[in-house]
Amino acid sequence: MTEKPKGQLVCVGPGMILGAHITERCRNYIQRADVVYVSCHHAVEEWLATLNPDTISLQNLYAEGKHRRETYNQMHQTIMQSVREGKKVVGCFYGHPGVFAQVPHWVINTAREEGYKAHMEPGISAEDCLYADMGIDPGRFGCQHFEASQLLFYRRTLDPSAYLILWQIALAGDRSIAKRVSSVEERQQLVDILLNDYPADHKVAVYECPFIMVEKPRIEWFPLSELSTYELNPVSTLVIPPATKMQPR
């Protein structure tokens, strides 16, 4: 009797710019998959469906006011169900599948624990684009990266002689894991913490990566003191350049 094919999983990322950043390896995995589960911008999902008609969006699992962890658990179980059915499964997540994306890590770990082949393919992330668009070499002064709310909820030590990159800045201070943006009051708490290490007039920048090749990145500079009321989007990243010089030992 022929043994039923055993499922396998690859999590990939199409990069940040539609159609321009996907690697040949990722494209090949998508085209050869039995099913592709996608959590990306709808335009990216439509484009990916041209590579493999068996493409299923996971975006319908999100809902206004719904706890994101519940959504992530549903994504996890949906992907694993197909793996357990013996299919070659691809999970495709915007940008890099391992950067600010919990589900790929969870589902790969689960698949491996259950004896299935599973791995991740890297993609071009917003961090990669930020370095290129803003002309930053992280090796020059050093570069610290934090999810913005970590500075509010945990004790983190900052080095103002290095770059500070704060991800998901629009959600800083939000504990509900359901909002699209946090309140002015919540973000002001973050500003107050940053003012312990940076002057109020220190220039910081909001960065947003372009989505299509004809767009330009959003790079807007303003004083740190204006952060709590500055217009932010869910994809905004805050860049804080060094405020002091590195001190020799």
Protein backbone atom coordinates (compact mmCIF):
# COMPACT_ATOMS: atom_id res chain seq x y z
CA MET A 1 0.00 0.00 0.00
CA THR A 2 1.34 3.44 -0.97
CA GLU A 3 2.10 5.60 2.05
CA LYS A 4 0.23 8.89 2.16
CA PRO A 5 2.55 11.89 1.50
CA LYS A 6 3.58 13.61 4.71
CA GLY A 7 2.78 17.31 4.98
CA GLN A 8 5.47 19.97 5.00
CA LEU A 9 5.56 23.68 5.70
CA VAL A 10 7.56 26.66 4.50
CA CYS A 11 6.92 30.22 5.74
CA VAL A 12 8.04 32.87 3.27
CA GLY A 13 7.86 36.64 2.82
CA PRO A 14 7.21 38.55 -0.41
CA GLY A 15 9.19 41.57 0.80
CA MET A 16 7.83 45.08 1.25
CA ILE A 17 7.38 46.39 -2.31
CA LEU A 18 4.73 44.62 -4.36
CA GLY A 19 6.29 42.22 -6.87
CA ALA A 20 9.79 43.69 -6.55
CA HIS A 21 11.23 42.10 -3.43
CA ILE A 22 10.22 38.45 -3.64
CA THR A 23 13.16 36.05 -3.96
CA GLU A 24 13.29 33.27 -6.53
CA ARG A 25 13.29 30.67 -3.76
CA CYS A 26 10.12 32.11 -2.22
CA ARG A 27 8.44 32.35 -5.61
CA ASN A 28 9.33 28.71 -6.32
CA TYR A 29 7.89 27.49 -3.02
CA ILE A 30 4.67 29.40 -3.66
CA GLN A 31 4.26 28.05 -7.17
CA ARG A 32 4.86 24.43 -6.11
CA ALA A 33 2.65 24.46 -2.99
CA ASP A 34 -0.61 22.55 -2.66
CA VAL A 35 -2.03 25.50 -0.73
CA VAL A 36 -0.73 28.98 0.12
CA TYR A 37 -2.05 30.79 3.19
CA VAL A 38 -1.47 34.54 2.98
CA SER A 39 -1.55 37.36 5.51
CA CYS A 40 -0.59 40.44 3.51
CA HIS A 41 -2.07 43.57 1.98
CA HIS A 42 -5.00 42.59 -0.29
CA ALA A 43 -3.11 43.75 -3.41
CA VAL A 44 -0.20 41.45 -2.50
CA GLU A 45 -2.64 38.60 -1.94
CA GLU A 46 -4.23 39.15 -5.36
CA TRP A 47 -0.80 39.15 -7.00
CA LEU A 48 0.26 35.98 -5.16
CA ALA A 49 -2.90 34.25 -6.41
CA THR A 50 -1.54 34.67 -9.95
CA LEU A 51 1.45 32.55 -8.90
CA ASN A 52 -0.70 29.85 -7.31
CA PRO A 53 -4.52 29.73 -7.67
CA ASP A 54 -4.77 27.73 -4.42
CA THR A 55 -4.08 30.86 -2.39
CA ILE A 56 -6.23 31.51 0.69
CA SER A 57 -6.28 34.81 2.59
CA LEU A 58 -6.09 34.76 6.37
CA GLN A 59 -7.11 38.41 6.65
CA ASN A 60 -10.78 37.54 7.21
CA LEU A 61 -9.79 36.20 10.64
CA TYR A 62 -9.19 39.75 11.85
CA ALA A 63 -12.15 41.71 13.22
CA GLU A 64 -12.69 45.09 14.86
CA GLY A 65 -12.26 44.77 18.62
CA LYS A 66 -11.14 41.13 18.37
CA HIS A 67 -8.07 40.21 20.40
CA ARG A 68 -5.18 39.68 18.00
CA ARG A 69 -3.98 36.61 19.91
CA GLU A 70 -7.29 34.88 19.10
CA THR A 71 -6.77 35.71 15.43
CA TYR A 72 -3.21 34.40 15.53
CA ASN A 73 -4.34 31.14 17.14
CA GLN A 74 -6.92 30.66 14.37
CA MET A 75 -4.25 31.27 11.72
CA HIS A 76 -1.99 28.78 13.44
CA GLN A 77 -4.64 26.06 13.52
CA THR A 78 -5.77 26.71 9.93
CA ILE A 79 -2.24 26.27 8.58
CA MET A 80 -1.52 23.21 10.70
CA GLN A 81 -4.72 21.50 9.58
CA SER A 82 -3.47 21.48 5.99
CA VAL A 83 -0.02 20.27 7.05
CA ARG A 84 -1.63 17.39 8.95
CA GLU A 85 -3.65 16.54 5.84
CA GLY A 86 -0.37 15.77 4.04
CA LYS A 87 -0.19 18.91 1.90
CA LYS A 88 2.81 20.99 0.87
CA VAL A 89 1.87 24.22 2.64
CA VAL A 90 3.26 27.73 2.29
CA GLY A 91 2.52 30.47 4.79
CA CYS A 92 3.22 33.86 3.25
CA PHE A 93 3.55 36.86 5.57
CA TYR A 94 4.20 40.48 4.58
CA GLY A 95 7.84 41.54 4.43
CA HIS A 96 10.00 39.05 6.30
CA PRO A 97 8.00 36.15 7.82
CA GLY A 98 10.07 36.17 10.99
CA VAL A 99 9.94 39.90 11.74
CA PHE A 100 6.98 41.15 13.81
CA ALA A 101 5.01 38.07 12.85
CA GLN A 102 4.28 35.58 15.63
CA VAL A 103 2.30 33.02 13.66
CA PRO A 104 5.17 31.81 11.41
CA HIS A 105 7.36 31.06 14.43
CA TRP A 106 4.52 29.30 16.26
CA VAL A 107 3.41 27.16 13.35
CA ILE A 108 6.95 26.14 12.35
CA ASN A 109 7.67 25.05 15.93
CA THR A 110 4.40 23.09 16.09
CA ALA A 111 5.04 21.39 12.75
CA ARG A 112 8.54 20.35 13.80
CA GLU A 113 7.30 19.06 17.16
CA GLU A 114 4.78 16.89 15.31
CA GLY A 115 7.46 15.48 13.03
CA TYR A 116 6.85 17.51 9.86
CA LYS A 117 9.51 19.26 7.79
CA ALA A 118 9.22 22.99 8.34
CA HIS A 119 11.46 25.99 7.80
CA MET A 120 11.46 29.72 7.11
CA GLU A 121 12.73 31.60 4.06
CA PRO A 122 13.89 35.19 4.68
CA GLY A 123 12.30 38.17 2.99
CA ILE A 124 13.15 41.85 2.67
CA SER A 125 11.82 43.55 5.81
CA ALA A 126 10.92 47.14 6.70
CA GLU A 127 14.21 47.27 8.59
CA ASP A 128 16.17 46.54 5.41
CA CYS A 129 14.27 49.23 3.54
CA LEU A 130 14.73 51.73 6.37
CA TYR A 131 18.52 51.41 6.26
CA ALA A 132 18.51 51.96 2.49
CA ASP A 133 15.95 54.78 2.37
CA MET A 134 17.37 56.74 5.31
CA GLY A 135 21.04 56.11 4.58
CA ILE A 136 21.71 54.49 7.95
CA ASP A 137 24.61 52.11 8.53
CA PRO A 138 23.75 50.25 11.76
CA GLY A 139 27.42 49.42 12.20
CA ARG A 140 28.54 53.04 12.48
CA PHE A 141 27.05 54.01 15.85
CA GLY A 142 25.15 50.83 16.69
CA CYS A 143 21.42 50.33 16.48
CA GLN A 144 18.84 49.41 19.15
CA HIS A 145 15.49 47.94 18.15
CA PHE A 146 12.45 47.68 20.42
CA GLU A 147 8.74 47.23 20.02
CA ALA A 148 7.63 50.65 21.29
CA SER A 149 5.38 49.42 24.09
CA GLN A 150 8.27 47.47 25.65
CA LEU A 151 9.71 50.75 26.89
CA LEU A 152 6.46 51.39 28.76
CA PHE A 153 5.83 47.92 30.15
CA TYR A 154 9.39 46.78 30.94
CA ARG A 155 12.68 48.15 32.20
CA ARG A 156 14.89 48.59 29.13
CA THR A 157 18.25 50.32 29.11
CA LEU A 158 18.72 52.83 26.28
CA ASP A 159 22.01 54.02 24.81
CA PRO A 160 21.52 57.54 23.40
CA SER A 161 24.86 57.31 21.55
CA ALA A 162 23.32 54.72 19.19
CA TYR A 163 20.32 54.80 16.86
CA LEU A 164 17.04 53.85 18.50
CA ILE A 165 14.41 52.24 16.26
CA LEU A 166 10.93 51.88 17.77
CA TRP A 167 8.58 49.56 15.91
CA GLN A 168 4.79 49.78 16.00
CA ILE A 169 5.06 53.28 17.41
CA ALA A 170 1.38 54.00 16.67
CA LEU A 171 0.42 51.29 19.18
CA ALA A 172 2.74 52.45 21.96
CA GLY A 173 1.08 51.92 25.34
CA ASP A 174 -1.88 49.90 24.10
CA ARG A 175 -2.58 46.82 26.24
CA SER A 176 -5.80 45.76 24.52
CA ILE A 177 -4.10 44.19 21.47
CA ALA A 178 -7.19 45.27 19.56
CA LYS A 179 -6.65 48.93 18.61
CA ARG A 180 -5.16 50.28 15.40
CA VAL A 181 -3.55 53.26 17.15
CA SER A 182 -3.00 54.15 20.80
CA SER A 183 -4.19 57.35 22.47
CA VAL A 184 -2.31 60.62 22.84
CA GLU A 185 -2.15 59.98 26.59
CA GLU A 186 -0.62 56.54 26.12
CA ARG A 187 2.01 57.84 23.73
CA GLN A 188 2.81 60.78 26.01
CA GLN A 189 3.90 58.24 28.62
CA LEU A 190 6.45 56.97 26.11
CA VAL A 191 7.63 60.51 25.39
CA ASP A 192 8.15 61.11 29.11
CA ILE A 193 10.34 58.01 29.31
CA LEU A 194 12.38 59.03 26.26
CA LEU A 195 12.93 62.50 27.69
CA ASN A 196 15.08 60.89 30.39
CA ASP A 197 17.70 60.20 27.71
CA TYR A 198 16.94 62.67 24.91
CA PRO A 199 16.31 66.44 24.83
CA ALA A 200 12.77 67.57 24.01
CA ASP A 201 13.94 69.31 20.81
CA HIS A 202 15.90 66.28 19.56
CA LYS A 203 14.85 65.60 15.97
CA VAL A 204 13.27 62.21 15.36
CA ALA A 205 11.71 60.76 12.22
CA VAL A 206 8.64 58.76 11.27
CA TYR A 207 9.48 56.22 8.58
CA GLU A 208 7.08 54.25 6.39
CA CYS A 209 8.27 51.93 3.65
CA PRO A 210 6.76 52.37 0.16
CA PHE A 211 4.34 49.69 -1.00
CA ILE A 212 4.77 50.00 -4.77
CA MET A 213 7.83 50.99 -6.81
CA VAL A 214 6.46 54.38 -7.88
CA GLU A 215 5.88 55.49 -4.28
CA LYS A 216 8.46 57.23 -2.12
CA PRO A 217 9.11 56.39 1.52
CA ARG A 218 7.57 58.59 4.18
CA ILE A 219 10.37 60.25 6.13
CA GLU A 220 9.25 63.17 8.30
CA TRP A 221 11.38 64.87 10.92
CA PHE A 222 10.02 66.63 14.00
CA PRO A 223 10.99 67.33 17.65
CA LEU A 224 10.62 64.44 20.08
CA SER A 225 8.26 66.56 22.20
CA GLU A 226 5.63 66.42 19.41
CA LEU A 227 5.52 62.62 19.19
CA SER A 228 2.35 62.09 21.23
CA THR A 229 0.24 64.19 18.83
CA TYR A 230 2.04 63.47 15.56
CA GLU A 231 0.07 61.69 12.82
CA LEU A 232 1.00 58.01 12.91
CA ASN A 233 -0.20 54.92 11.06
CA PRO A 234 -0.05 51.24 12.03
CA VAL A 235 2.97 50.83 9.73
CA SER A 236 4.89 53.83 11.14
CA THR A 237 8.33 53.30 12.64
CA LEU A 238 10.12 55.86 14.81
CA VAL A 239 13.80 56.56 14.17
CA ILE A 240 15.78 58.38 16.87
CA PRO A 241 19.33 59.30 15.84
CA PRO A 242 22.14 59.40 18.40
CA ALA A 243 21.89 62.31 20.83
CA THR A 244 25.33 61.94 22.42
CA LYS A 245 28.79 60.88 21.31
CA MET A 246 30.21 57.46 22.03
CA GLN A 247 32.51 57.63 25.05
CA PRO A 248 35.93 55.93 24.86
CA ARG A 249 36.85 53.48 27.59
